[in-house]
Amino acid sequence: MEHKIKIAPKYFSAIEKGYKTFELRVNDRDYKEGDTLVLQEYNPTLKNPYTGQEIKRYVNYILYGGMFGLPDNMCIMALSQTCEGCRWHNIYQKCTCCRRNKGMKDNFKRVENNA
């Protein structure tokens, strides 16, 4: 499932640069591993708060609330690049970021790019 969520500019920048690889959220959308987050930069100080900048990230792990002092209604999601941002996109059949099947090995097979 794809979730469009707003995010403050400083956090958007940190995710875009690869420094921030997690997202802490209220779990009001029933987030699941395998979901995609569309992070939309949102600056409430502007007249039009949505800046038009957005990035997609794949949710590859979730720590649900109720453990380690995390409130029950919260979750921490581990994020990785989606295929659109992956350097192997359209070059190999399965890139590292696409391997949703945990048993899959790193045996890549080159596919022809008919572009």
Protein backbone atom coordinates (compact mmCIF):
# COMPACT_ATOMS: atom_id res chain seq x y z
CA MET A 1 0.00 0.00 0.00
CA GLU A 2 1.18 3.52 -0.70
CA HIS A 3 0.86 6.21 1.99
CA LYS A 4 1.24 9.93 1.23
CA ILE A 5 2.52 11.71 4.32
CA LYS A 6 3.80 15.21 4.97
CA ILE A 7 7.25 15.78 6.40
CA ALA A 8 9.10 18.88 7.66
CA PRO A 9 11.90 20.25 5.40
CA LYS A 10 14.78 19.36 7.75
CA TYR A 11 13.66 15.71 7.96
CA PHE A 12 12.89 15.58 4.23
CA SER A 13 16.43 16.74 3.49
CA ALA A 14 17.96 14.19 5.88
CA ILE A 15 16.03 11.34 4.23
CA GLU A 16 16.84 12.61 0.74
CA LYS A 17 20.58 12.68 1.55
CA GLY A 18 20.43 9.21 3.12
CA TYR A 19 21.26 10.30 6.67
CA LYS A 20 17.83 9.41 8.09
CA THR A 21 16.72 5.87 7.30
CA PHE A 22 13.76 5.59 9.66
CA GLU A 23 10.45 7.30 10.32
CA LEU A 24 8.66 7.60 13.66
CA ARG A 25 4.89 7.93 13.21
CA VAL A 26 1.57 7.52 14.93
CA ASN A 27 0.34 4.19 13.57
CA ASP A 28 -3.04 5.53 12.48
CA ARG A 29 -2.78 4.05 8.97
CA ASP A 30 -2.01 0.42 9.87
CA TYR A 31 1.48 0.58 8.36
CA LYS A 32 2.90 -2.76 7.20
CA GLU A 33 6.26 -4.03 5.97
CA GLY A 34 6.29 -3.74 2.19
CA ASP A 35 4.34 -0.46 2.15
CA THR A 36 5.67 2.56 0.28
CA LEU A 37 5.79 6.01 1.85
CA VAL A 38 5.47 9.03 -0.41
CA LEU A 39 7.10 11.70 1.73
CA GLN A 40 5.87 15.16 0.72
CA GLU A 41 7.87 18.12 1.94
CA TYR A 42 5.59 20.36 4.02
CA ASN A 43 6.54 23.79 5.36
CA PRO A 44 3.67 25.33 7.40
CA THR A 45 5.36 28.78 7.35
CA LEU A 46 4.75 29.15 3.60
CA LYS A 47 1.54 30.41 1.97
CA ASN A 48 1.34 27.14 0.04
CA PRO A 49 2.81 24.71 2.62
CA TYR A 50 3.37 21.79 0.19
CA THR A 51 6.63 22.59 -1.61
CA GLY A 52 6.06 20.10 -4.44
CA GLN A 53 9.10 18.04 -3.41
CA GLU A 54 8.46 14.37 -2.73
CA ILE A 55 10.44 11.15 -2.43
CA LYS A 56 9.40 7.53 -2.14
CA ARG A 57 10.77 5.11 0.40
CA TYR A 58 10.06 1.41 0.93
CA VAL A 59 9.19 0.20 4.45
CA ASN A 60 11.35 -2.87 5.04
CA TYR A 61 10.88 -3.27 8.82
CA ILE A 62 8.53 -1.90 11.50
CA LEU A 63 9.00 -1.74 15.26
CA TYR A 64 5.48 -1.45 16.67
CA GLY A 65 4.61 0.37 19.88
CA GLY A 66 4.26 -1.37 23.20
CA MET A 67 7.93 -2.32 23.39
CA PHE A 68 11.11 -0.53 24.50
CA GLY A 69 9.14 2.42 25.90
CA LEU A 70 7.47 3.19 22.56
CA PRO A 71 3.78 4.12 23.13
CA ASP A 72 1.22 1.62 21.82
CA ASN A 73 -0.05 3.94 19.08
CA MET A 74 3.42 4.67 17.60
CA CYS A 75 5.74 2.81 15.25
CA ILE A 76 9.26 3.19 13.89
CA MET A 77 9.66 2.23 10.25
CA ALA A 78 13.00 1.32 8.67
CA LEU A 79 13.18 2.88 5.21
CA SER A 80 15.10 2.08 2.06
CA GLN A 81 15.07 3.45 -1.45
CA THR A 82 12.36 2.21 -3.75
CA CYS A 83 13.26 0.86 -7.18
CA GLU A 84 12.68 4.24 -8.80
CA GLY A 85 15.76 5.55 -6.97
CA CYS A 86 17.82 2.39 -7.19
CA ARG A 87 20.91 2.40 -9.38
CA TRP A 88 20.10 -1.18 -10.48
CA HIS A 89 16.53 -0.36 -11.61
CA ASN A 90 15.85 -1.80 -15.09
CA ILE A 91 19.34 -3.30 -15.25
CA TYR A 92 18.79 -6.46 -13.20
CA GLN A 93 15.67 -8.52 -12.60
CA LYS A 94 15.77 -8.08 -8.83
CA CYS A 95 17.74 -5.35 -7.15
CA THR A 96 18.65 -5.33 -3.47
CA CYS A 97 15.88 -2.91 -2.56
CA CYS A 98 13.25 -5.08 -4.28
CA ARG A 99 13.97 -8.34 -2.51
CA ARG A 100 10.76 -8.67 -0.52
CA ASN A 101 11.30 -12.42 -0.34
CA LYS A 102 13.87 -12.78 2.44
CA GLY A 103 15.05 -16.14 1.10
CA MET A 104 16.14 -14.69 -2.24
CA LYS A 105 19.86 -14.85 -2.91
CA ASP A 106 22.11 -12.23 -4.49
CA ASN A 107 22.11 -14.00 -7.86
CA PHE A 108 21.40 -11.25 -10.34
CA LYS A 109 20.56 -11.96 -13.92
CA ARG A 110 20.99 -9.14 -16.39
CA VAL A 111 17.89 -8.27 -18.43
CA GLU A 112 17.88 -6.58 -21.81
CA ASN A 113 16.93 -2.92 -21.73
CA ASN A 114 14.84 -2.30 -24.86
CA ALA A 115 14.68 1.46 -24.36
